[in-house]
PDB file of N, CA and C in Angstrom:
ATOM      1  N   MET A   1      -1.310 -41.244  19.045  1.00  0.00           N
ATOM      2  CA  MET A   1      -0.894 -40.187  18.148  1.00  0.00           C
ATOM      3  C   MET A   1       0.294 -40.662  17.314  1.00  0.00           C
ATOM      4  N   SER A   2       0.301 -40.352  16.042  1.00  0.00           N
ATOM      5  CA  SER A   2       1.341 -40.790  15.108  1.00  0.00           C
ATOM      6  C   SER A   2       2.536 -39.850  15.148  1.00  0.00           C
ATOM      7  N   ASN A   3       3.734 -40.416  14.970  1.00  0.00           N
ATOM      8  CA  ASN A   3       4.956 -39.604  14.918  1.00  0.00           C
ATOM      9  C   ASN A   3       5.223 -39.045  13.530  1.00  0.00           C
ATOM     10  N   THR A   4       4.571 -39.567  12.518  1.00  0.00           N
ATOM     11  CA  THR A   4       4.804 -39.094  11.160  1.00  0.00           C
ATOM     12  C   THR A   4       3.810 -37.987  10.830  1.00  0.00           C
ATOM     13  N   SER A   5       4.303 -36.999  10.116  1.00  0.00           N
ATOM     14  CA  SER A   5       3.419 -35.903   9.736  1.00  0.00           C
ATOM     15  C   SER A   5       2.762 -36.219   8.399  1.00  0.00           C
ATOM     16  N   GLU A   6       1.629 -35.612   8.190  1.00  0.00           N
ATOM     17  CA  GLU A   6       0.883 -35.833   6.963  1.00  0.00           C
ATOM     18  C   GLU A   6       1.539 -35.065   5.822  1.00  0.00           C
ATOM     19  N   THR A   7       1.678 -35.723   4.665  1.00  0.00           N
ATOM     20  CA  THR A   7       2.264 -35.056   3.508  1.00  0.00           C
ATOM     21  C   THR A   7       1.154 -34.621   2.566  1.00  0.00           C
ATOM     22  N   LYS A   8       1.390 -33.510   1.933  1.00  0.00           N
ATOM     23  CA  LYS A   8       0.447 -32.965   0.961  1.00  0.00           C
ATOM     24  C   LYS A   8       1.245 -32.434  -0.214  1.00  0.00           C
ATOM     25  N   THR A   9       0.554 -32.249  -1.319  1.00  0.00           N
ATOM     26  CA  THR A   9       1.183 -31.729  -2.520  1.00  0.00           C
ATOM     27  C   THR A   9       1.017 -30.216  -2.567  1.00  0.00           C
ATOM     28  N   VAL A  10       2.127 -29.554  -2.880  1.00  0.00           N
ATOM     29  CA  VAL A  10       2.136 -28.097  -3.019  1.00  0.00           C
ATOM     30  C   VAL A  10       2.553 -27.790  -4.456  1.00  0.00           C
ATOM     31  N   THR A  11       1.890 -26.849  -5.075  1.00  0.00           N
ATOM     32  CA  THR A  11       2.271 -26.418  -6.412  1.00  0.00           C
ATOM     33  C   THR A  11       3.084 -25.143  -6.293  1.00  0.00           C
ATOM     34  N   VAL A  12       4.300 -25.178  -6.842  1.00  0.00           N
ATOM     35  CA  VAL A  12       5.163 -23.994  -6.858  1.00  0.00           C
ATOM     36  C   VAL A  12       5.449 -23.630  -8.301  1.00  0.00           C
ATOM     37  N   THR A  13       5.705 -22.362  -8.540  1.00  0.00           N
ATOM     38  CA  THR A  13       5.991 -21.893  -9.891  1.00  0.00           C
ATOM     39  C   THR A  13       7.413 -21.348  -9.925  1.00  0.00           C
ATOM     40  N   ILE A  14       8.199 -21.887 -10.857  1.00  0.00           N
ATOM     41  CA  ILE A  14       9.586 -21.457 -11.041  1.00  0.00           C
ATOM     42  C   ILE A  14       9.783 -21.201 -12.525  1.00  0.00           C
ATOM     43  N   LEU A  15      10.195 -20.002 -12.867  1.00  0.00           N
ATOM     44  CA  LEU A  15      10.349 -19.586 -14.266  1.00  0.00           C
ATOM     45  C   LEU A  15       9.100 -19.916 -15.086  1.00  0.00           C
ATOM     46  N   ASP A  16       7.960 -19.536 -14.549  1.00  0.00           N
ATOM     47  CA  ASP A  16       6.667 -19.677 -15.213  1.00  0.00           C
ATOM     48  C   ASP A  16       6.235 -21.121 -15.457  1.00  0.00           C
ATOM     49  N   LYS A  17       6.886 -22.086 -14.827  1.00  0.00           N
ATOM     50  CA  LYS A  17       6.477 -23.490 -14.923  1.00  0.00           C
ATOM     51  C   LYS A  17       6.009 -23.929 -13.549  1.00  0.00           C
ATOM     52  N   GLU A  18       4.942 -24.700 -13.535  1.00  0.00           N
ATOM     53  CA  GLU A  18       4.419 -25.202 -12.271  1.00  0.00           C
ATOM     54  C   GLU A  18       5.007 -26.579 -11.975  1.00  0.00           C
ATOM     55  N   TYR A  19       5.358 -26.790 -10.706  1.00  0.00           N
ATOM     56  CA  TYR A  19       5.878 -28.064 -10.231  1.00  0.00           C
ATOM     57  C   TYR A  19       5.063 -28.480  -9.021  1.00  0.00           C
ATOM     58  N   MET A  20       4.666 -29.742  -8.991  1.00  0.00           N
ATOM     59  CA  MET A  20       3.947 -30.261  -7.839  1.00  0.00           C
ATOM     60  C   MET A  20       4.946 -31.027  -6.981  1.00  0.00           C
ATOM     61  N   VAL A  21       5.061 -30.604  -5.716  1.00  0.00           N
ATOM     62  CA  VAL A  21       6.032 -31.191  -4.803  1.00  0.00           C
ATOM     63  C   VAL A  21       5.292 -31.667  -3.556  1.00  0.00           C
ATOM     64  N   THR A  22       5.601 -32.877  -3.128  1.00  0.00           N
ATOM     65  CA  THR A  22       4.998 -33.412  -1.924  1.00  0.00           C
ATOM     66  C   THR A  22       5.952 -33.201  -0.755  1.00  0.00           C
ATOM     67  N   CYS A  23       5.416 -32.684   0.339  1.00  0.00           N
ATOM     68  CA  CYS A  23       6.225 -32.485   1.537  1.00  0.00           C
ATOM     69  C   CYS A  23       5.317 -32.492   2.756  1.00  0.00           C
ATOM     70  N   PRO A  24       5.915 -32.654   3.946  1.00  0.00           N
ATOM     71  CA  PRO A  24       5.104 -32.596   5.166  1.00  0.00           C
ATOM     72  C   PRO A  24       4.386 -31.256   5.260  1.00  0.00           C
ATOM     73  N   GLU A  25       3.183 -31.294   5.775  1.00  0.00           N
ATOM     74  CA  GLU A  25       2.361 -30.095   5.837  1.00  0.00           C
ATOM     75  C   GLU A  25       3.048 -28.945   6.563  1.00  0.00           C
ATOM     76  N   GLU A  26       3.795 -29.254   7.618  1.00  0.00           N
ATOM     77  CA  GLU A  26       4.463 -28.189   8.372  1.00  0.00           C
ATOM     78  C   GLU A  26       5.630 -27.546   7.610  1.00  0.00           C
ATOM     79  N   GLU A  27       6.024 -28.115   6.479  1.00  0.00           N
ATOM     80  CA  GLU A  27       7.116 -27.555   5.684  1.00  0.00           C
ATOM     81  C   GLU A  27       6.623 -26.780   4.454  1.00  0.00           C
ATOM     82  N   HIS A  28       5.318 -26.688   4.261  1.00  0.00           N
ATOM     83  CA  HIS A  28       4.760 -25.998   3.088  1.00  0.00           C
ATOM     84  C   HIS A  28       5.285 -24.575   2.974  1.00  0.00           C
ATOM     85  N   HIS A  29       5.232 -23.838   4.060  1.00  0.00           N
ATOM     86  CA  HIS A  29       5.659 -22.429   4.033  1.00  0.00           C
ATOM     87  C   HIS A  29       7.127 -22.324   3.616  1.00  0.00           C
ATOM     88  N   ASP A  30       7.989 -23.172   4.194  1.00  0.00           N
ATOM     89  CA  ASP A  30       9.411 -23.146   3.850  1.00  0.00           C
ATOM     90  C   ASP A  30       9.635 -23.534   2.391  1.00  0.00           C
ATOM     91  N   LEU A  31       8.871 -24.500   1.909  1.00  0.00           N
ATOM     92  CA  LEU A  31       8.997 -24.917   0.508  1.00  0.00           C
ATOM     93  C   LEU A  31       8.616 -23.778  -0.432  1.00  0.00           C
ATOM     94  N   ILE A  32       7.537 -23.103  -0.130  1.00  0.00           N
ATOM     95  CA  ILE A  32       7.100 -21.991  -0.971  1.00  0.00           C
ATOM     96  C   ILE A  32       8.123 -20.864  -0.947  1.00  0.00           C
ATOM     97  N   ARG A  33       8.645 -20.554   0.232  1.00  0.00           N
ATOM     98  CA  ARG A  33       9.686 -19.517   0.327  1.00  0.00           C
ATOM     99  C   ARG A  33      10.927 -19.913  -0.464  1.00  0.00           C
ATOM    100  N   SER A  34      11.315 -21.189  -0.376  1.00  0.00           N
ATOM    101  CA  SER A  34      12.482 -21.678  -1.121  1.00  0.00           C
ATOM    102  C   SER A  34      12.259 -21.590  -2.618  1.00  0.00           C
ATOM    103  N   ALA A  35      11.071 -21.969  -3.064  1.00  0.00           N
ATOM    104  CA  ALA A  35      10.751 -21.905  -4.491  1.00  0.00           C
ATOM    105  C   ALA A  35      10.762 -20.456  -4.977  1.00  0.00           C
ATOM    106  N   ASP A  36      10.229 -19.540  -4.176  1.00  0.00           N
ATOM    107  CA  ASP A  36      10.242 -18.118  -4.551  1.00  0.00           C
ATOM    108  C   ASP A  36      11.677 -17.604  -4.653  1.00  0.00           C
ATOM    109  N   PHE A  37      12.508 -17.995  -3.711  1.00  0.00           N
ATOM    110  CA  PHE A  37      13.910 -17.580  -3.719  1.00  0.00           C
ATOM    111  C   PHE A  37      14.612 -18.117  -4.966  1.00  0.00           C
ATOM    112  N   LEU A  38      14.393 -19.405  -5.259  1.00  0.00           N
ATOM    113  CA  LEU A  38      14.991 -20.017  -6.444  1.00  0.00           C
ATOM    114  C   LEU A  38      14.493 -19.348  -7.715  1.00  0.00           C
ATOM    115  N   ASP A  39      13.211 -19.047  -7.770  1.00  0.00           N
ATOM    116  CA  ASP A  39      12.642 -18.360  -8.933  1.00  0.00           C
ATOM    117  C   ASP A  39      13.332 -17.014  -9.159  1.00  0.00           C
ATOM    118  N   ARG A  40      13.528 -16.258  -8.088  1.00  0.00           N
ATOM    119  CA  ARG A  40      14.209 -14.953  -8.219  1.00  0.00           C
ATOM    120  C   ARG A  40      15.631 -15.122  -8.720  1.00  0.00           C
ATOM    121  N   LYS A  41      16.370 -16.097  -8.157  1.00  0.00           N
ATOM    122  CA  LYS A  41      17.749 -16.342  -8.586  1.00  0.00           C
ATOM    123  C   LYS A  41      17.807 -16.763 -10.051  1.00  0.00           C
ATOM    124  N   MET A  42      16.889 -17.634 -10.456  1.00  0.00           N
ATOM    125  CA  MET A  42      16.894 -18.098 -11.839  1.00  0.00           C
ATOM    126  C   MET A  42      16.515 -16.976 -12.794  1.00  0.00           C
ATOM    127  N   ARG A  43      15.600 -16.113 -12.397  1.00  0.00           N
ATOM    128  CA  ARG A  43      15.238 -14.960 -13.232  1.00  0.00           C
ATOM    129  C   ARG A  43      16.424 -14.001 -13.385  1.00  0.00           C
ATOM    130  N   GLU A  44      17.161 -13.788 -12.311  1.00  0.00           N
ATOM    131  CA  GLU A  44      18.358 -12.931 -12.393  1.00  0.00           C
ATOM    132  C   GLU A  44      19.342 -13.488 -13.420  1.00  0.00           C
ATOM    133  N   ILE A  45      19.568 -14.800 -13.371  1.00  0.00           N
ATOM    134  CA  ILE A  45      20.506 -15.433 -14.309  1.00  0.00           C
ATOM    135  C   ILE A  45      19.963 -15.359 -15.732  1.00  0.00           C
ATOM    136  N   ARG A  46      18.692 -15.686 -15.907  1.00  0.00           N
ATOM    137  CA  ARG A  46      18.085 -15.639 -17.245  1.00  0.00           C
ATOM    138  C   ARG A  46      18.126 -14.231 -17.812  1.00  0.00           C
ATOM    139  N   ASP A  47      17.768 -13.240 -16.975  1.00  0.00           N
ATOM    140  CA  ASP A  47      17.739 -11.862 -17.448  1.00  0.00           C
ATOM    141  C   ASP A  47      19.122 -11.307 -17.731  1.00  0.00           C
ATOM    142  N   GLY A  48      20.164 -11.961 -17.188  1.00  0.00           N
ATOM    143  CA  GLY A  48      21.535 -11.568 -17.497  1.00  0.00           C
ATOM    144  C   GLY A  48      21.888 -11.874 -18.939  1.00  0.00           C
ATOM    145  N   GLY A  49      21.152 -12.810 -19.549  1.00  0.00           N
ATOM    146  CA  GLY A  49      21.281 -13.084 -20.972  1.00  0.00           C
ATOM    147  C   GLY A  49      22.449 -13.947 -21.397  1.00  0.00           C
ATOM    148  N   LYS A  50      23.294 -14.379 -20.471  1.00  0.00           N
ATOM    149  CA  LYS A  50      24.467 -15.159 -20.870  1.00  0.00           C
ATOM    150  C   LYS A  50      24.196 -16.658 -20.898  1.00  0.00           C
ATOM    151  N   ILE A  51      23.154 -17.087 -20.207  1.00  0.00           N
ATOM    152  CA  ILE A  51      22.863 -18.523 -20.112  1.00  0.00           C
ATOM    153  C   ILE A  51      21.461 -18.765 -20.650  1.00  0.00           C
ATOM    154  N   ILE A  52      21.358 -19.758 -21.536  1.00  0.00           N
ATOM    155  CA  ILE A  52      20.083 -20.078 -22.176  1.00  0.00           C
ATOM    156  C   ILE A  52      19.700 -21.508 -21.815  1.00  0.00           C
ATOM    157  N   GLY A  53      18.436 -21.724 -21.574  1.00  0.00           N
ATOM    158  CA  GLY A  53      17.933 -23.058 -21.265  1.00  0.00           C
ATOM    159  C   GLY A  53      17.654 -23.186 -19.778  1.00  0.00           C
ATOM    160  N   SER A  54      16.440 -23.629 -19.450  1.00  0.00           N
ATOM    161  CA  SER A  54      16.052 -23.674 -18.042  1.00  0.00           C
ATOM    162  C   SER A  54      16.896 -24.646 -17.226  1.00  0.00           C
ATOM    163  N   ASP A  55      17.345 -25.752 -17.827  1.00  0.00           N
ATOM    164  CA  ASP A  55      18.203 -26.683 -17.089  1.00  0.00           C
ATOM    165  C   ASP A  55      19.527 -26.023 -16.715  1.00  0.00           C
ATOM    166  N   ARG A  56      20.122 -25.323 -17.646  1.00  0.00           N
ATOM    167  CA  ARG A  56      21.403 -24.651 -17.375  1.00  0.00           C
ATOM    168  C   ARG A  56      21.233 -23.512 -16.376  1.00  0.00           C
ATOM    169  N   ILE A  57      20.131 -22.796 -16.502  1.00  0.00           N
ATOM    170  CA  ILE A  57      19.847 -21.720 -15.554  1.00  0.00           C
ATOM    171  C   ILE A  57      19.669 -22.301 -14.158  1.00  0.00           C
ATOM    172  N   ALA A  58      18.965 -23.440 -14.055  1.00  0.00           N
ATOM    173  CA  ALA A  58      18.747 -24.082 -12.753  1.00  0.00           C
ATOM    174  C   ALA A  58      20.069 -24.525 -12.128  1.00  0.00           C
ATOM    175  N   VAL A  59      20.946 -25.098 -12.939  1.00  0.00           N
ATOM    176  CA  VAL A  59      22.247 -25.531 -12.422  1.00  0.00           C
ATOM    177  C   VAL A  59      23.055 -24.333 -11.948  1.00  0.00           C
ATOM    178  N   MET A  60      23.081 -23.261 -12.709  1.00  0.00           N
ATOM    179  CA  MET A  60      23.819 -22.069 -12.296  1.00  0.00           C
ATOM    180  C   MET A  60      23.241 -21.474 -11.016  1.00  0.00           C
ATOM    181  N   ALA A  61      21.919 -21.444 -10.906  1.00  0.00           N
ATOM    182  CA  ALA A  61      21.283 -20.936  -9.694  1.00  0.00           C
ATOM    183  C   ALA A  61      21.655 -21.821  -8.511  1.00  0.00           C
ATOM    184  N   ALA A  62      21.618 -23.128  -8.686  1.00  0.00           N
ATOM    185  CA  ALA A  62      21.983 -24.059  -7.602  1.00  0.00           C
ATOM    186  C   ALA A  62      23.432 -23.853  -7.178  1.00  0.00           C
ATOM    187  N   LEU A  63      24.317 -23.682  -8.149  1.00  0.00           N
ATOM    188  CA  LEU A  63      25.730 -23.443  -7.821  1.00  0.00           C
ATOM    189  C   LEU A  63      25.905 -22.130  -7.066  1.00  0.00           C
ATOM    190  N   ASN A  64      25.224 -21.087  -7.511  1.00  0.00           N
ATOM    191  CA  ASN A  64      25.327 -19.789  -6.834  1.00  0.00           C
ATOM    192  C   ASN A  64      24.783 -19.862  -5.402  1.00  0.00           C
ATOM    193  N   ILE A  65      23.640 -20.504  -5.231  1.00  0.00           N
ATOM    194  CA  ILE A  65      23.043 -20.631  -3.897  1.00  0.00           C
ATOM    195  C   ILE A  65      23.941 -21.465  -2.997  1.00  0.00           C
ATOM    196  N   SER A  66      24.465 -22.575  -3.527  1.00  0.00           N
ATOM    197  CA  SER A  66      25.367 -23.422  -2.746  1.00  0.00           C
ATOM    198  C   SER A  66      26.617 -22.659  -2.332  1.00  0.00           C
ATOM    199  N   HIS A  67      27.159 -21.899  -3.254  1.00  0.00           N
ATOM    200  CA  HIS A  67      28.354 -21.110  -2.957  1.00  0.00           C
ATOM    201  C   HIS A  67      28.074 -20.104  -1.852  1.00  0.00           C
ATOM    202  N   GLU A  68      26.955 -19.407  -1.957  1.00  0.00           N
ATOM    203  CA  GLU A  68      26.585 -18.431  -0.922  1.00  0.00           C
ATOM    204  C   GLU A  68      26.435 -19.108   0.438  1.00  0.00           C
ATOM    205  N   LEU A  69      25.772 -20.264   0.455  1.00  0.00           N
ATOM    206  CA  LEU A  69      25.556 -20.990   1.697  1.00  0.00           C
ATOM    207  C   LEU A  69      26.886 -21.456   2.298  1.00  0.00           C
ATOM    208  N   LEU A  70      27.728 -22.052   1.475  1.00  0.00           N
ATOM    209  CA  LEU A  70      29.005 -22.552   1.968  1.00  0.00           C
ATOM    210  C   LEU A  70      29.916 -21.419   2.427  1.00  0.00           C
ATOM    211  N   THR A  71      29.893 -20.315   1.705  1.00  0.00           N
ATOM    212  CA  THR A  71      30.720 -19.172   2.098  1.00  0.00           C
ATOM    213  C   THR A  71      30.260 -18.624   3.439  1.00  0.00           C
ATOM    214  N   ARG A  72      28.963 -18.455   3.595  1.00  0.00           N
ATOM    215  CA  ARG A  72      28.413 -17.964   4.854  1.00  0.00           C
ATOM    216  C   ARG A  72      28.730 -18.900   6.008  1.00  0.00           C
ATOM    217  N   ASN A  73      28.565 -20.197   5.778  1.00  0.00           N
ATOM    218  CA  ASN A  73      28.781 -21.171   6.847  1.00  0.00           C
ATOM    219  C   ASN A  73      30.248 -21.393   7.153  1.00  0.00           C
ATOM    220  N   SER A  74      31.128 -21.220   6.176  1.00  0.00           N
ATOM    221  CA  SER A  74      32.546 -21.388   6.467  1.00  0.00           C
ATOM    222  C   SER A  74      33.051 -20.228   7.321  1.00  0.00           C
ATOM    223  N   GLU A  75      32.394 -19.083   7.205  1.00  0.00           N
ATOM    224  CA  GLU A  75      32.760 -17.930   8.021  1.00  0.00           C
ATOM    225  C   GLU A  75      32.272 -18.098   9.454  1.00  0.00           C
ATOM    226  N   SER A  76      31.172 -18.833   9.638  1.00  0.00           N
ATOM    227  CA  SER A  76      30.596 -18.963  10.988  1.00  0.00           C
ATOM    228  C   SER A  76      30.761 -20.368  11.562  1.00  0.00           C
ATOM    229  N   GLY A  77      31.434 -21.251  10.879  1.00  0.00           N
ATOM    230  CA  GLY A  77      31.603 -22.629  11.360  1.00  0.00           C
ATOM    231  C   GLY A  77      31.020 -23.607  10.375  1.00  0.00           C
ATOM    232  N   ASN A  78      30.866 -24.844  10.793  1.00  0.00           N
ATOM    233  CA  ASN A  78      30.346 -25.895   9.916  1.00  0.00           C
ATOM    234  C   ASN A  78      28.852 -25.761   9.709  1.00  0.00           C
ATOM    235  N   ILE A  79      28.391 -26.371   8.618  1.00  0.00           N
ATOM    236  CA  ILE A  79      26.953 -26.412   8.343  1.00  0.00           C
ATOM    237  C   ILE A  79      26.303 -27.332   9.352  1.00  0.00           C
ATOM    238  N   ASP A  80      25.272 -26.868   9.983  1.00  0.00           N
ATOM    239  CA  ASP A  80      24.491 -27.681  10.915  1.00  0.00           C
ATOM    240  C   ASP A  80      23.948 -28.877  10.154  1.00  0.00           C
ATOM    241  N   SER A  81      23.998 -30.052  10.762  1.00  0.00           N
ATOM    242  CA  SER A  81      23.575 -31.273  10.060  1.00  0.00           C
ATOM    243  C   SER A  81      22.112 -31.223   9.643  1.00  0.00           C
ATOM    244  N   SER A  82      21.256 -30.576  10.432  1.00  0.00           N
ATOM    245  CA  SER A  82      19.837 -30.505  10.043  1.00  0.00           C
ATOM    246  C   SER A  82      19.665 -29.628   8.812  1.00  0.00           C
ATOM    247  N   VAL A  83      20.461 -28.575   8.688  1.00  0.00           N
ATOM    248  CA  VAL A  83      20.407 -27.726   7.491  1.00  0.00           C
ATOM    249  C   VAL A  83      20.857 -28.531   6.284  1.00  0.00           C
ATOM    250  N   GLY A  84      21.938 -29.273   6.445  1.00  0.00           N
ATOM    251  CA  GLY A  84      22.433 -30.107   5.353  1.00  0.00           C
ATOM    252  C   GLY A  84      21.407 -31.128   4.907  1.00  0.00           C
ATOM    253  N   GLN A  85      20.723 -31.725   5.873  1.00  0.00           N
ATOM    254  CA  GLN A  85      19.692 -32.710   5.543  1.00  0.00           C
ATOM    255  C   GLN A  85      18.528 -32.054   4.818  1.00  0.00           C
ATOM    256  N   ARG A  86      18.146 -30.865   5.248  1.00  0.00           N
ATOM    257  CA  ARG A  86      17.029 -30.168   4.587  1.00  0.00           C
ATOM    258  C   ARG A  86      17.411 -29.790   3.163  1.00  0.00           C
ATOM    259  N   ILE A  87      18.661 -29.361   2.961  1.00  0.00           N
ATOM    260  CA  ILE A  87      19.121 -29.017   1.620  1.00  0.00           C
ATOM    261  C   ILE A  87      19.071 -30.247   0.718  1.00  0.00           C
ATOM    262  N   LYS A  88      19.548 -31.385   1.232  1.00  0.00           N
ATOM    263  CA  LYS A  88      19.507 -32.615   0.434  1.00  0.00           C
ATOM    264  C   LYS A  88      18.068 -32.999   0.100  1.00  0.00           C
ATOM    265  N   GLY A  89      17.161 -32.834   1.055  1.00  0.00           N
ATOM    266  CA  GLY A  89      15.759 -33.140   0.817  1.00  0.00           C
ATOM    267  C   GLY A  89      15.163 -32.254  -0.252  1.00  0.00           C
ATOM    268  N   LEU A  90      15.470 -30.958  -0.189  1.00  0.00           N
ATOM    269  CA  LEU A  90      14.968 -30.034  -1.200  1.00  0.00           C
ATOM    270  C   LEU A  90      15.552 -30.347  -2.579  1.00  0.00           C
ATOM    271  N   GLU A  91      16.856 -30.679  -2.616  1.00  0.00           N
ATOM    272  CA  GLU A  91      17.473 -31.032  -3.889  1.00  0.00           C
ATOM    273  C   GLU A  91      16.774 -32.240  -4.512  1.00  0.00           C
ATOM    274  N   ALA A  92      16.464 -33.244  -3.683  1.00  0.00           N
ATOM    275  CA  ALA A  92      15.794 -34.435  -4.186  1.00  0.00           C
ATOM    276  C   ALA A  92      14.410 -34.088  -4.718  1.00  0.00           C
ATOM    277  N   LYS A  93      13.690 -33.221  -4.021  1.00  0.00           N
ATOM    278  CA  LYS A  93      12.354 -32.823  -4.475  1.00  0.00           C
ATOM    279  C   LYS A  93      12.431 -32.045  -5.783  1.00  0.00           C
ATOM    280  N   ILE A  94      13.422 -31.178  -5.914  1.00  0.00           N
ATOM    281  CA  ILE A  94      13.587 -30.405  -7.140  1.00  0.00           C
ATOM    282  C   ILE A  94      13.941 -31.328  -8.305  1.00  0.00           C
ATOM    283  N   GLU A  95      14.872 -32.261  -8.067  1.00  0.00           N
ATOM    284  CA  GLU A  95      15.240 -33.206  -9.115  1.00  0.00           C
ATOM    285  C   GLU A  95      14.031 -34.023  -9.559  1.00  0.00           C
ATOM    286  N   ASP A  96      13.235 -34.474  -8.600  1.00  0.00           N
ATOM    287  CA  ASP A  96      12.044 -35.260  -8.924  1.00  0.00           C
ATOM    288  C   ASP A  96      11.064 -34.442  -9.752  1.00  0.00           C
ATOM    289  N   ALA A  97      10.854 -33.191  -9.357  1.00  0.00           N
ATOM    290  CA  ALA A  97       9.921 -32.326 -10.092  1.00  0.00           C
ATOM    291  C   ALA A  97      10.433 -32.063 -11.503  1.00  0.00           C
ATOM    292  N   LEU A  98      11.735 -31.812 -11.655  1.00  0.00           N
ATOM    293  CA  LEU A  98      12.307 -31.583 -12.983  1.00  0.00           C
ATOM    294  C   LEU A  98      12.177 -32.846 -13.843  1.00  0.00           C
ATOM    295  N   TYR A  99      12.412 -34.005 -13.246  1.00  0.00           N
ATOM    296  CA  TYR A  99      12.301 -35.259 -13.984  1.00  0.00           C
ATOM    297  C   TYR A  99      10.874 -35.460 -14.484  1.00  0.00           C
ATOM    298  N   ARG A 100       9.901 -35.253 -13.586  1.00  0.00           N
ATOM    299  CA  ARG A 100       8.502 -35.416 -13.979  1.00  0.00           C
ATOM    300  C   ARG A 100       8.123 -34.411 -15.060  1.00  0.00           C
ATOM    301  N   SER A 101       8.656 -33.197 -14.965  1.00  0.00           N
ATOM    302  CA  SER A 101       8.372 -32.177 -15.964  1.00  0.00           C
ATOM    303  C   SER A 101       8.917 -32.593 -17.326  1.00  0.00           C
ATOM    304  N   ARG A 102      10.111 -33.140 -17.348  1.00  0.00           N
ATOM    305  CA  ARG A 102      10.707 -33.600 -18.598  1.00  0.00           C
ATOM    306  C   ARG A 102       9.892 -34.744 -19.202  1.00  0.00           C
ATOM    307  N   GLN A 103       9.373 -35.631 -18.342  1.00  0.00           N
ATOM    308  CA  GLN A 103       8.560 -36.741 -18.824  1.00  0.00           C
ATOM    309  C   GLN A 103       7.293 -36.237 -19.485  1.00  0.00           C
ATOM    310  N   LEU A 104       6.702 -35.167 -18.939  1.00  0.00           N
ATOM    311  CA  LEU A 104       5.491 -34.611 -19.524  1.00  0.00           C
ATOM    312  C   LEU A 104       5.771 -33.969 -20.873  1.00  0.00           C
ATOM    313  N   GLU A 105       6.980 -33.428 -21.063  1.00  0.00           N
ATOM    314  CA  GLU A 105       7.340 -32.764 -22.313  1.00  0.00           C
ATOM    315  C   GLU A 105       7.587 -33.761 -23.424  1.00  0.00           C
ATOM    316  N   ILE A 106       7.965 -34.982 -23.065  1.00  0.00           N
ATOM    317  CA  ILE A 106       8.315 -36.006 -24.076  1.00  0.00           C
ATOM    318  C   ILE A 106       7.085 -36.590 -24.613  1.00  0.00           C
TER     319      ILE A 106
END
């Protein structure tokens, strides 16, 4: 039996754009939930009307989410290392998807 899990591609939609993200099969549900959460945060920022451009909206959403996470964790102790690693993994996947999306637009 192999110790590595099988990876598959999942399509998520954020601000009406589709992104294909590869992740281990057992993380699909968490990835979809994360994408839905990010989509809601980005829509809140966009609908506020003060920030224009999906890149800027994404950065503001990331800053807001990071702030919420750090504030919550500073009240209850340090961030668990596995949570930190998962956040870094998701950030890398989002950056990769945004990069590929920009390449398709060019």
